[in-house]
């Protein structure tokens, strides 16, 4: 399905060097901010108090947040779970206050505004659990990268595998750089968004690589640059449809999802746009500079050397 078709090939690779230099500067800036500023980690990673409360009717989350904020808390999380009447509250560690003191203080404030609220469960999440979550998250990221490299190496060729992994890591590091620079809260949903972006970005790269391989078969007299440019041009309509529809859904989460989904949707938005950019200008350009050629992707036909006996 195509909304439109571009008949004239766009010379993307003509600007590959300049755009990749910009990417390199952006990548290094992201690494710098990650190393110097670090992340504003949520309580899943730093530890804190988790409360589950129940209301007699649908809870007004904004009102709950305002009540907790009045008690001087910051960086807390409030979200529904199970039903609209059940609310989960995550409170950060506060020096000089125990988990019991925090939960008593919050439930008393909530009861003052709505006597029907009921405390169901209180649990303390220690920093050690946060370290385990961070360790497991990094392992998940490592395994995804290794899996992508193996997949691309088997499906295409090692030059495309290297190009695809570099492009994917480019997207991930830039997302993390945004969160480090602006000190946005980095939580488990954000980590899930980063892993989702890895898969989403590699899908775009695979589509372009498939078209490059197909064009190598069809355009036997074309140069490598011309083959790559025509492949990217041919996928633009598909890119607009796929990423446009995905971005509309993510924007809906960003606007209407509330604080619980805000940074998740924000990470996906950054990943979608940089995923398009990296697939076109980073992955394709690196594959070109690594010397990808027709023989790498199209197996030559074996000549029949047998003699016909008549």
C-alpha atoms as a PDB file:
ATOM      1  CA  UNK A   1       0.000   0.000   0.000  1.00  0.00           C
ATOM      2  CA  UNK A   2       1.313   3.451  -0.941  1.00  0.00           C
ATOM      3  CA  UNK A   3      -0.077   6.938  -0.306  1.00  0.00           C
ATOM      4  CA  UNK A   4       2.249   8.343  -2.935  1.00  0.00           C
ATOM      5  CA  UNK A   5       5.120   7.323  -5.162  1.00  0.00           C
ATOM      6  CA  UNK A   6       8.278   9.335  -5.773  1.00  0.00           C
ATOM      7  CA  UNK A   7       9.406   8.825  -9.356  1.00  0.00           C
ATOM      8  CA  UNK A   8      12.691  10.711  -9.102  1.00  0.00           C
ATOM      9  CA  UNK A   9      15.397   9.155  -6.934  1.00  0.00           C
ATOM     10  CA  UNK A  10      16.458  11.379  -4.015  1.00  0.00           C
ATOM     11  CA  UNK A  11      20.277  11.480  -3.564  1.00  0.00           C
ATOM     12  CA  UNK A  12      20.354  10.716   0.166  1.00  0.00           C
ATOM     13  CA  UNK A  13      23.933   9.421   0.154  1.00  0.00           C
ATOM     14  CA  UNK A  14      25.191  12.709  -1.288  1.00  0.00           C
ATOM     15  CA  UNK A  15      24.723  14.221   2.194  1.00  0.00           C
ATOM     16  CA  UNK A  16      25.694  11.111   4.175  1.00  0.00           C
ATOM     17  CA  UNK A  17      29.054  12.435   5.400  1.00  0.00           C
ATOM     18  CA  UNK A  18      27.720  15.732   6.757  1.00  0.00           C
ATOM     19  CA  UNK A  19      24.701  14.111   8.420  1.00  0.00           C
ATOM     20  CA  UNK A  20      26.813  11.375   9.996  1.00  0.00           C
ATOM     21  CA  UNK A  21      29.218  13.968  11.376  1.00  0.00           C
ATOM     22  CA  UNK A  22      26.196  15.652  12.984  1.00  0.00           C
ATOM     23  CA  UNK A  23      25.126  12.245  14.312  1.00  0.00           C
ATOM     24  CA  UNK A  24      28.602  11.653  15.735  1.00  0.00           C
ATOM     25  CA  UNK A  25      28.569  15.015  17.542  1.00  0.00           C
ATOM     26  CA  UNK A  26      25.061  14.306  18.895  1.00  0.00           C
ATOM     27  CA  UNK A  27      26.121  10.809  19.980  1.00  0.00           C
ATOM     28  CA  UNK A  28      29.230  12.093  21.781  1.00  0.00           C
ATOM     29  CA  UNK A  29      27.168  14.832  23.469  1.00  0.00           C
ATOM     30  CA  UNK A  30      24.707  12.196  24.688  1.00  0.00           C
ATOM     31  CA  UNK A  31      27.549  10.059  26.059  1.00  0.00           C
ATOM     32  CA  UNK A  32      28.992  13.153  27.796  1.00  0.00           C
ATOM     33  CA  UNK A  33      25.687  13.993  29.503  1.00  0.00           C
ATOM     34  CA  UNK A  34      25.151  10.369  30.556  1.00  0.00           C
ATOM     35  CA  UNK A  35      28.647  10.219  32.062  1.00  0.00           C
ATOM     36  CA  UNK A  36      28.547  13.627  33.792  1.00  0.00           C
ATOM     37  CA  UNK A  37      24.914  14.175  34.781  1.00  0.00           C
ATOM     38  CA  UNK A  38      23.726  10.580  35.142  1.00  0.00           C
ATOM     39  CA  UNK A  39      20.054   9.614  35.293  1.00  0.00           C
ATOM     40  CA  UNK A  40      17.206  10.746  37.479  1.00  0.00           C
ATOM     41  CA  UNK A  41      16.248   7.214  38.513  1.00  0.00           C
ATOM     42  CA  UNK A  42      12.766   6.306  39.712  1.00  0.00           C
ATOM     43  CA  UNK A  43      12.161   4.445  42.946  1.00  0.00           C
ATOM     44  CA  UNK A  44      12.176   1.117  41.104  1.00  0.00           C
ATOM     45  CA  UNK A  45      15.933   1.626  40.890  1.00  0.00           C
ATOM     46  CA  UNK A  46      16.653   3.716  43.994  1.00  0.00           C
ATOM     47  CA  UNK A  47      14.258   2.080  46.465  1.00  0.00           C
ATOM     48  CA  UNK A  48      11.239   3.523  48.273  1.00  0.00           C
ATOM     49  CA  UNK A  49       7.777   2.789  49.667  1.00  0.00           C
ATOM     50  CA  UNK A  50       4.980   1.233  47.620  1.00  0.00           C
ATOM     51  CA  UNK A  51       1.399   1.722  48.830  1.00  0.00           C
ATOM     52  CA  UNK A  52      -1.792   0.212  47.476  1.00  0.00           C
ATOM     53  CA  UNK A  53      -5.003   2.010  48.396  1.00  0.00           C
ATOM     54  CA  UNK A  54      -8.635   1.420  47.409  1.00  0.00           C
ATOM     55  CA  UNK A  55     -11.476   3.899  46.943  1.00  0.00           C
ATOM     56  CA  UNK A  56     -15.227   3.266  47.075  1.00  0.00           C
ATOM     57  CA  UNK A  57     -15.541   4.755  43.578  1.00  0.00           C
ATOM     58  CA  UNK A  58     -13.243   5.728  40.709  1.00  0.00           C
ATOM     59  CA  UNK A  59     -10.211   7.501  42.129  1.00  0.00           C
ATOM     60  CA  UNK A  60      -9.325  11.013  40.975  1.00  0.00           C
ATOM     61  CA  UNK A  61      -5.597  10.579  40.352  1.00  0.00           C
ATOM     62  CA  UNK A  62      -4.891  14.300  39.938  1.00  0.00           C
ATOM     63  CA  UNK A  63      -6.496  14.953  43.324  1.00  0.00           C
ATOM     64  CA  UNK A  64      -4.420  12.156  44.897  1.00  0.00           C
ATOM     65  CA  UNK A  65      -1.242  13.631  43.422  1.00  0.00           C
ATOM     66  CA  UNK A  66      -2.113  17.112  44.681  1.00  0.00           C
ATOM     67  CA  UNK A  67      -2.734  15.773  48.199  1.00  0.00           C
ATOM     68  CA  UNK A  68       0.611  13.954  48.307  1.00  0.00           C
ATOM     69  CA  UNK A  69       2.444  16.960  46.860  1.00  0.00           C
ATOM     70  CA  UNK A  70       1.049  19.129  49.671  1.00  0.00           C
ATOM     71  CA  UNK A  71       2.878  16.893  52.159  1.00  0.00           C
ATOM     72  CA  UNK A  72       6.174  17.947  50.584  1.00  0.00           C
ATOM     73  CA  UNK A  73       6.817  14.849  48.468  1.00  0.00           C
ATOM     74  CA  UNK A  74       8.466  15.047  45.048  1.00  0.00           C
ATOM     75  CA  UNK A  75       9.297  12.410  42.413  1.00  0.00           C
ATOM     76  CA  UNK A  76       6.458  10.170  43.574  1.00  0.00           C
ATOM     77  CA  UNK A  77       4.252   8.103  41.253  1.00  0.00           C
ATOM     78  CA  UNK A  78       0.497   7.601  41.321  1.00  0.00           C
ATOM     79  CA  UNK A  79      -1.299   5.232  38.953  1.00  0.00           C
ATOM     80  CA  UNK A  80      -4.274   2.903  38.695  1.00  0.00           C
ATOM     81  CA  UNK A  81      -3.813  -0.836  38.771  1.00  0.00           C
ATOM     82  CA  UNK A  82      -6.448  -3.514  38.341  1.00  0.00           C
ATOM     83  CA  UNK A  83      -9.491  -1.229  38.429  1.00  0.00           C
ATOM     84  CA  UNK A  84     -10.157   2.522  38.432  1.00  0.00           C
ATOM     85  CA  UNK A  85     -10.787   2.331  42.205  1.00  0.00           C
ATOM     86  CA  UNK A  86      -7.392   0.802  43.021  1.00  0.00           C
ATOM     87  CA  UNK A  87      -4.402   3.121  43.203  1.00  0.00           C
ATOM     88  CA  UNK A  88      -0.702   2.372  43.552  1.00  0.00           C
ATOM     89  CA  UNK A  89       1.500   5.046  45.127  1.00  0.00           C
ATOM     90  CA  UNK A  90       5.294   4.957  44.998  1.00  0.00           C
ATOM     91  CA  UNK A  91       7.137   7.237  47.407  1.00  0.00           C
ATOM     92  CA  UNK A  92      10.892   7.917  47.289  1.00  0.00           C
ATOM     93  CA  UNK A  93      13.168   7.379  50.261  1.00  0.00           C
ATOM     94  CA  UNK A  94      13.322  10.394  52.590  1.00  0.00           C
ATOM     95  CA  UNK A  95      16.118  10.674  55.095  1.00  0.00           C
ATOM     96  CA  UNK A  96      14.847  10.588  58.673  1.00  0.00           C
ATOM     97  CA  UNK A  97      11.502   8.976  57.782  1.00  0.00           C
ATOM     98  CA  UNK A  98      10.789   5.268  57.871  1.00  0.00           C
ATOM     99  CA  UNK A  99       8.521   3.495  55.386  1.00  0.00           C
ATOM    100  CA  UNK A 100       5.842   3.184  58.092  1.00  0.00           C
ATOM    101  CA  UNK A 101       5.960   6.899  58.881  1.00  0.00           C
ATOM    102  CA  UNK A 102       5.655   7.787  55.205  1.00  0.00           C
ATOM    103  CA  UNK A 103       2.686   5.485  54.601  1.00  0.00           C
ATOM    104  CA  UNK A 104       0.866   6.707  57.744  1.00  0.00           C
ATOM    105  CA  UNK A 105       1.408  10.316  56.782  1.00  0.00           C
ATOM    106  CA  UNK A 106       0.098   9.819  53.233  1.00  0.00           C
ATOM    107  CA  UNK A 107      -2.939   7.704  54.178  1.00  0.00           C
ATOM    108  CA  UNK A 108      -3.965  10.249  56.814  1.00  0.00           C
ATOM    109  CA  UNK A 109      -3.792  13.030  54.215  1.00  0.00           C
ATOM    110  CA  UNK A 110      -5.818  10.968  51.742  1.00  0.00           C
ATOM    111  CA  UNK A 111      -8.455  10.105  54.373  1.00  0.00           C
ATOM    112  CA  UNK A 112      -8.818  13.789  55.191  1.00  0.00           C
ATOM    113  CA  UNK A 113     -10.023  14.447  51.652  1.00  0.00           C
ATOM    114  CA  UNK A 114     -11.905  11.136  51.224  1.00  0.00           C
ATOM    115  CA  UNK A 115     -12.737   9.052  54.340  1.00  0.00           C
ATOM    116  CA  UNK A 116     -13.642   6.017  52.190  1.00  0.00           C
ATOM    117  CA  UNK A 117     -10.041   5.402  51.116  1.00  0.00           C
ATOM    118  CA  UNK A 118      -8.605   2.146  52.470  1.00  0.00           C
ATOM    119  CA  UNK A 119      -4.962   1.135  52.781  1.00  0.00           C
ATOM    120  CA  UNK A 120      -4.527  -2.356  51.322  1.00  0.00           C
ATOM    121  CA  UNK A 121      -0.780  -2.928  51.332  1.00  0.00           C
ATOM    122  CA  UNK A 122       2.514  -1.230  52.186  1.00  0.00           C
ATOM    123  CA  UNK A 123       5.831  -2.560  50.940  1.00  0.00           C
ATOM    124  CA  UNK A 124       9.366  -1.239  51.175  1.00  0.00           C
ATOM    125  CA  UNK A 125      11.529  -1.607  48.053  1.00  0.00           C
ATOM    126  CA  UNK A 126      15.191  -1.607  49.023  1.00  0.00           C
ATOM    127  CA  UNK A 127      18.049  -0.172  46.948  1.00  0.00           C
ATOM    128  CA  UNK A 128      19.406  -3.692  46.419  1.00  0.00           C
ATOM    129  CA  UNK A 129      16.305  -4.623  44.425  1.00  0.00           C
ATOM    130  CA  UNK A 130      16.863  -1.468  42.373  1.00  0.00           C
ATOM    131  CA  UNK A 131      20.425  -2.550  41.598  1.00  0.00           C
ATOM    132  CA  UNK A 132      19.155  -5.953  40.488  1.00  0.00           C
ATOM    133  CA  UNK A 133      16.593  -4.311  38.204  1.00  0.00           C
ATOM    134  CA  UNK A 134      19.262  -2.081  36.664  1.00  0.00           C
ATOM    135  CA  UNK A 135      21.565  -5.077  36.179  1.00  0.00           C
ATOM    136  CA  UNK A 136      18.789  -7.140  34.586  1.00  0.00           C
ATOM    137  CA  UNK A 137      17.836  -4.217  32.343  1.00  0.00           C
ATOM    138  CA  UNK A 138      21.400  -3.864  31.055  1.00  0.00           C
ATOM    139  CA  UNK A 139      21.566  -7.609  30.429  1.00  0.00           C
ATOM    140  CA  UNK A 140      18.296  -7.442  28.488  1.00  0.00           C
ATOM    141  CA  UNK A 141      19.719  -4.606  26.386  1.00  0.00           C
ATOM    142  CA  UNK A 142      22.918  -6.577  25.724  1.00  0.00           C
ATOM    143  CA  UNK A 143      21.030  -9.726  24.690  1.00  0.00           C
ATOM    144  CA  UNK A 144      18.778  -7.735  22.350  1.00  0.00           C
ATOM    145  CA  UNK A 145      21.811  -6.173  20.637  1.00  0.00           C
ATOM    146  CA  UNK A 146      23.526  -9.567  20.255  1.00  0.00           C
ATOM    147  CA  UNK A 147      20.308 -11.111  18.908  1.00  0.00           C
ATOM    148  CA  UNK A 148      19.881  -8.318  16.359  1.00  0.00           C
ATOM    149  CA  UNK A 149      23.466  -8.679  15.165  1.00  0.00           C
ATOM    150  CA  UNK A 150      23.112 -12.455  14.735  1.00  0.00           C
ATOM    151  CA  UNK A 151      19.790 -12.032  12.913  1.00  0.00           C
ATOM    152  CA  UNK A 152      21.162  -9.427  10.497  1.00  0.00           C
ATOM    153  CA  UNK A 153      24.340 -11.430   9.893  1.00  0.00           C
ATOM    154  CA  UNK A 154      22.318 -14.526   8.938  1.00  0.00           C
ATOM    155  CA  UNK A 155      19.705 -12.679   6.901  1.00  0.00           C
ATOM    156  CA  UNK A 156      22.053 -10.333   5.065  1.00  0.00           C
ATOM    157  CA  UNK A 157      25.788  -9.970   5.484  1.00  0.00           C
ATOM    158  CA  UNK A 158      28.213  -8.901   8.216  1.00  0.00           C
ATOM    159  CA  UNK A 159      28.562  -5.350   6.847  1.00  0.00           C
ATOM    160  CA  UNK A 160      24.830  -4.807   7.201  1.00  0.00           C
ATOM    161  CA  UNK A 161      24.907  -6.461  10.632  1.00  0.00           C
ATOM    162  CA  UNK A 162      27.538  -4.009  11.876  1.00  0.00           C
ATOM    163  CA  UNK A 163      25.745  -1.054  10.274  1.00  0.00           C
ATOM    164  CA  UNK A 164      22.405  -2.069  11.782  1.00  0.00           C
ATOM    165  CA  UNK A 165      23.773  -2.497  15.307  1.00  0.00           C
ATOM    166  CA  UNK A 166      25.661   0.822  15.178  1.00  0.00           C
ATOM    167  CA  UNK A 167      22.479   2.576  14.026  1.00  0.00           C
ATOM    168  CA  UNK A 168      20.408   0.943  16.788  1.00  0.00           C
ATOM    169  CA  UNK A 169      22.918   1.810  19.512  1.00  0.00           C
ATOM    170  CA  UNK A 170      22.967   5.360  18.094  1.00  0.00           C
ATOM    171  CA  UNK A 171      19.204   5.583  18.767  1.00  0.00           C
ATOM    172  CA  UNK A 172      19.439   4.118  22.278  1.00  0.00           C
ATOM    173  CA  UNK A 173      22.314   6.337  23.405  1.00  0.00           C
ATOM    174  CA  UNK A 174      20.598   9.483  22.093  1.00  0.00           C
ATOM    175  CA  UNK A 175      17.369   8.596  23.954  1.00  0.00           C
ATOM    176  CA  UNK A 176      19.396   8.077  27.140  1.00  0.00           C
ATOM    177  CA  UNK A 177      21.226  11.343  26.452  1.00  0.00           C
ATOM    178  CA  UNK A 178      17.930  13.238  26.353  1.00  0.00           C
ATOM    179  CA  UNK A 179      16.918  11.733  29.714  1.00  0.00           C
ATOM    180  CA  UNK A 180      20.304  12.564  31.229  1.00  0.00           C
ATOM    181  CA  UNK A 181      20.413  16.144  29.891  1.00  0.00           C
ATOM    182  CA  UNK A 182      16.866  17.106  30.914  1.00  0.00           C
ATOM    183  CA  UNK A 183      16.948  14.907  34.044  1.00  0.00           C
ATOM    184  CA  UNK A 184      13.650  13.301  33.111  1.00  0.00           C
ATOM    185  CA  UNK A 185      12.695  10.418  35.366  1.00  0.00           C
ATOM    186  CA  UNK A 186      14.120   7.112  34.169  1.00  0.00           C
ATOM    187  CA  UNK A 187      11.789   4.282  35.202  1.00  0.00           C
ATOM    188  CA  UNK A 188      11.004   0.703  34.193  1.00  0.00           C
ATOM    189  CA  UNK A 189       8.446   1.848  31.556  1.00  0.00           C
ATOM    190  CA  UNK A 190      11.171   4.030  30.004  1.00  0.00           C
ATOM    191  CA  UNK A 191      13.527   1.054  29.936  1.00  0.00           C
ATOM    192  CA  UNK A 192      10.763  -0.937  28.210  1.00  0.00           C
ATOM    193  CA  UNK A 193      10.405   1.892  25.664  1.00  0.00           C
ATOM    194  CA  UNK A 194      14.159   1.796  24.948  1.00  0.00           C
ATOM    195  CA  UNK A 195      13.994  -1.954  24.288  1.00  0.00           C
ATOM    196  CA  UNK A 196      10.938  -1.418  22.076  1.00  0.00           C
ATOM    197  CA  UNK A 197      12.810   1.230  20.081  1.00  0.00           C
ATOM    198  CA  UNK A 198      15.600  -1.270  19.413  1.00  0.00           C
ATOM    199  CA  UNK A 199      13.168  -3.653  17.742  1.00  0.00           C
ATOM    200  CA  UNK A 200      11.319  -0.853  15.987  1.00  0.00           C
ATOM    201  CA  UNK A 201      14.509   0.676  14.586  1.00  0.00           C
ATOM    202  CA  UNK A 202      15.899  -2.611  13.323  1.00  0.00           C
ATOM    203  CA  UNK A 203      12.621  -3.265  11.494  1.00  0.00           C
ATOM    204  CA  UNK A 204      13.085  -0.057   9.489  1.00  0.00           C
ATOM    205  CA  UNK A 205      16.704  -0.987   8.756  1.00  0.00           C
ATOM    206  CA  UNK A 206      15.692  -4.463   7.562  1.00  0.00           C
ATOM    207  CA  UNK A 207      13.084  -3.008   5.167  1.00  0.00           C
ATOM    208  CA  UNK A 208      15.695  -0.727   3.594  1.00  0.00           C
ATOM    209  CA  UNK A 209      18.299  -3.521   3.437  1.00  0.00           C
ATOM    210  CA  UNK A 210      15.794  -5.827   1.742  1.00  0.00           C
ATOM    211  CA  UNK A 211      15.086  -3.176  -0.880  1.00  0.00           C
ATOM    212  CA  UNK A 212      18.826  -2.592  -1.403  1.00  0.00           C
ATOM    213  CA  UNK A 213      19.314  -6.321  -2.018  1.00  0.00           C
ATOM    214  CA  UNK A 214      16.378  -6.343  -4.424  1.00  0.00           C
ATOM    215  CA  UNK A 215      17.753  -3.317  -6.295  1.00  0.00           C
ATOM    216  CA  UNK A 216      21.162  -4.932  -6.630  1.00  0.00           C
ATOM    217  CA  UNK A 217      19.416  -7.707  -8.590  1.00  0.00           C
ATOM    218  CA  UNK A 218      17.423  -5.305 -10.778  1.00  0.00           C
ATOM    219  CA  UNK A 219      19.827  -2.421 -11.317  1.00  0.00           C
ATOM    220  CA  UNK A 220      22.919  -4.239 -12.507  1.00  0.00           C
ATOM    221  CA  UNK A 221      24.546  -1.179 -14.079  1.00  0.00           C
ATOM    222  CA  UNK A 222      23.858   1.197 -11.193  1.00  0.00           C
ATOM    223  CA  UNK A 223      26.526   2.241  -8.694  1.00  0.00           C
ATOM    224  CA  UNK A 224      26.261   1.342  -5.008  1.00  0.00           C
ATOM    225  CA  UNK A 225      25.211   4.926  -4.168  1.00  0.00           C
ATOM    226  CA  UNK A 226      22.482   4.861  -6.813  1.00  0.00           C
ATOM    227  CA  UNK A 227      21.193   1.501  -5.572  1.00  0.00           C
ATOM    228  CA  UNK A 228      21.002   2.710  -1.959  1.00  0.00           C
ATOM    229  CA  UNK A 229      19.375   6.028  -2.920  1.00  0.00           C
ATOM    230  CA  UNK A 230      16.698   4.303  -5.018  1.00  0.00           C
ATOM    231  CA  UNK A 231      16.037   1.770  -2.241  1.00  0.00           C
ATOM    232  CA  UNK A 232      15.489   4.482   0.372  1.00  0.00           C
ATOM    233  CA  UNK A 233      13.364   6.562  -2.009  1.00  0.00           C
ATOM    234  CA  UNK A 234      11.151   3.537  -2.742  1.00  0.00           C
ATOM    235  CA  UNK A 235      10.484   2.951   0.977  1.00  0.00           C
ATOM    236  CA  UNK A 236       9.508   6.550   1.843  1.00  0.00           C
ATOM    237  CA  UNK A 237       5.772   5.983   1.352  1.00  0.00           C
ATOM    238  CA  UNK A 238       5.878   2.869   3.554  1.00  0.00           C
ATOM    239  CA  UNK A 239       7.871   4.792   6.176  1.00  0.00           C
ATOM    240  CA  UNK A 240       5.324   7.620   6.276  1.00  0.00           C
ATOM    241  CA  UNK A 241       2.420   5.169   6.713  1.00  0.00           C
ATOM    242  CA  UNK A 242       4.093   2.978   9.349  1.00  0.00           C
ATOM    243  CA  UNK A 243       5.770   5.626  11.458  1.00  0.00           C
ATOM    244  CA  UNK A 244       2.978   8.153  11.034  1.00  0.00           C
ATOM    245  CA  UNK A 245       0.328   5.754  12.368  1.00  0.00           C
ATOM    246  CA  UNK A 246       2.617   4.648  15.218  1.00  0.00           C
ATOM    247  CA  UNK A 247       3.428   8.227  16.141  1.00  0.00           C
ATOM    248  CA  UNK A 248      -0.264   9.150  16.266  1.00  0.00           C
ATOM    249  CA  UNK A 249      -0.836   6.406  18.829  1.00  0.00           C
ATOM    250  CA  UNK A 250       2.201   7.499  20.850  1.00  0.00           C
ATOM    251  CA  UNK A 251       1.085  11.147  20.778  1.00  0.00           C
ATOM    252  CA  UNK A 252      -2.293  10.034  22.152  1.00  0.00           C
ATOM    253  CA  UNK A 253      -0.461   8.357  25.058  1.00  0.00           C
ATOM    254  CA  UNK A 254       1.709  11.432  25.517  1.00  0.00           C
ATOM    255  CA  UNK A 255      -1.286  13.779  25.731  1.00  0.00           C
ATOM    256  CA  UNK A 256      -3.939  11.621  27.394  1.00  0.00           C
ATOM    257  CA  UNK A 257      -1.902   8.942  29.181  1.00  0.00           C
ATOM    258  CA  UNK A 258      -1.146  11.081  32.210  1.00  0.00           C
ATOM    259  CA  UNK A 259       2.100  11.153  34.232  1.00  0.00           C
ATOM    260  CA  UNK A 260       2.317   7.346  34.336  1.00  0.00           C
ATOM    261  CA  UNK A 261       2.804   7.081  30.566  1.00  0.00           C
ATOM    262  CA  UNK A 262       4.354  10.492  29.871  1.00  0.00           C
ATOM    263  CA  UNK A 263       8.035   9.543  29.831  1.00  0.00           C
ATOM    264  CA  UNK A 264       7.303   6.160  28.239  1.00  0.00           C
ATOM    265  CA  UNK A 265       5.616   7.937  25.315  1.00  0.00           C
ATOM    266  CA  UNK A 266       8.346  10.578  25.235  1.00  0.00           C
ATOM    267  CA  UNK A 267      11.076   7.931  24.910  1.00  0.00           C
ATOM    268  CA  UNK A 268       9.121   6.232  22.110  1.00  0.00           C
ATOM    269  CA  UNK A 269       8.668   9.540  20.271  1.00  0.00           C
ATOM    270  CA  UNK A 270      12.400  10.278  20.356  1.00  0.00           C
ATOM    271  CA  UNK A 271      13.137   6.694  19.319  1.00  0.00           C
ATOM    272  CA  UNK A 272      10.714   6.718  16.376  1.00  0.00           C
ATOM    273  CA  UNK A 273      12.162   9.865  14.825  1.00  0.00           C
ATOM    274  CA  UNK A 274      15.788   8.986  15.408  1.00  0.00           C
ATOM    275  CA  UNK A 275      15.032   5.421  14.261  1.00  0.00           C
ATOM    276  CA  UNK A 276      13.943   6.735  10.854  1.00  0.00           C
ATOM    277  CA  UNK A 277      16.982   8.997  10.677  1.00  0.00           C
ATOM    278  CA  UNK A 278      19.488   6.308  11.671  1.00  0.00           C
ATOM    279  CA  UNK A 279      18.058   3.680   9.313  1.00  0.00           C
ATOM    280  CA  UNK A 280      18.356   6.031   6.348  1.00  0.00           C
ATOM    281  CA  UNK A 281      21.526   7.991   7.026  1.00  0.00           C
ATOM    282  CA  UNK A 282      23.496   5.954   9.583  1.00  0.00           C
ATOM    283  CA  UNK A 283      22.872   2.282   8.739  1.00  0.00           C
ATOM    284  CA  UNK A 284      22.817   2.705   4.961  1.00  0.00           C
ATOM    285  CA  UNK A 285      25.831   5.041   4.947  1.00  0.00           C
ATOM    286  CA  UNK A 286      27.943   2.803   7.192  1.00  0.00           C
ATOM    287  CA  UNK A 287      27.133  -0.215   5.016  1.00  0.00           C
ATOM    288  CA  UNK A 288      28.222   1.802   1.971  1.00  0.00           C
ATOM    289  CA  UNK A 289      31.473   2.896   3.629  1.00  0.00           C
ATOM    290  CA  UNK A 290      32.193  -0.681   4.725  1.00  0.00           C
ATOM    291  CA  UNK A 291      32.200  -1.552   1.044  1.00  0.00           C
ATOM    292  CA  UNK A 292      28.934  -3.428   0.556  1.00  0.00           C
ATOM    293  CA  UNK A 293      28.606  -4.559  -3.047  1.00  0.00           C
ATOM    294  CA  UNK A 294      26.370  -6.608  -5.305  1.00  0.00           C
ATOM    295  CA  UNK A 295      28.377  -9.805  -4.740  1.00  0.00           C
ATOM    296  CA  UNK A 296      27.781  -9.574  -0.973  1.00  0.00           C
ATOM    297  CA  UNK A 297      24.013  -9.822  -1.322  1.00  0.00           C
ATOM    298  CA  UNK A 298      23.377 -11.502  -4.666  1.00  0.00           C
ATOM    299  CA  UNK A 299      24.923 -14.916  -5.167  1.00  0.00           C
ATOM    300  CA  UNK A 300      26.373 -15.295  -8.667  1.00  0.00           C
ATOM    301  CA  UNK A 301      24.883 -17.955 -10.894  1.00  0.00           C
ATOM    302  CA  UNK A 302      27.065 -21.020 -11.313  1.00  0.00           C
ATOM    303  CA  UNK A 303      27.935 -21.775 -14.915  1.00  0.00           C
ATOM    304  CA  UNK A 304      27.225 -25.258 -16.176  1.00  0.00           C
ATOM    305  CA  UNK A 305      30.568 -26.581 -17.366  1.00  0.00           C
ATOM    306  CA  UNK A 306      29.311 -30.038 -18.309  1.00  0.00           C
ATOM    307  CA  UNK A 307      29.464 -31.068 -21.938  1.00  0.00           C
ATOM    308  CA  UNK A 308      26.391 -32.232 -23.729  1.00  0.00           C
ATOM    309  CA  UNK A 309      26.943 -35.634 -25.209  1.00  0.00           C
ATOM    310  CA  UNK A 310      24.961 -36.177 -28.359  1.00  0.00           C
END
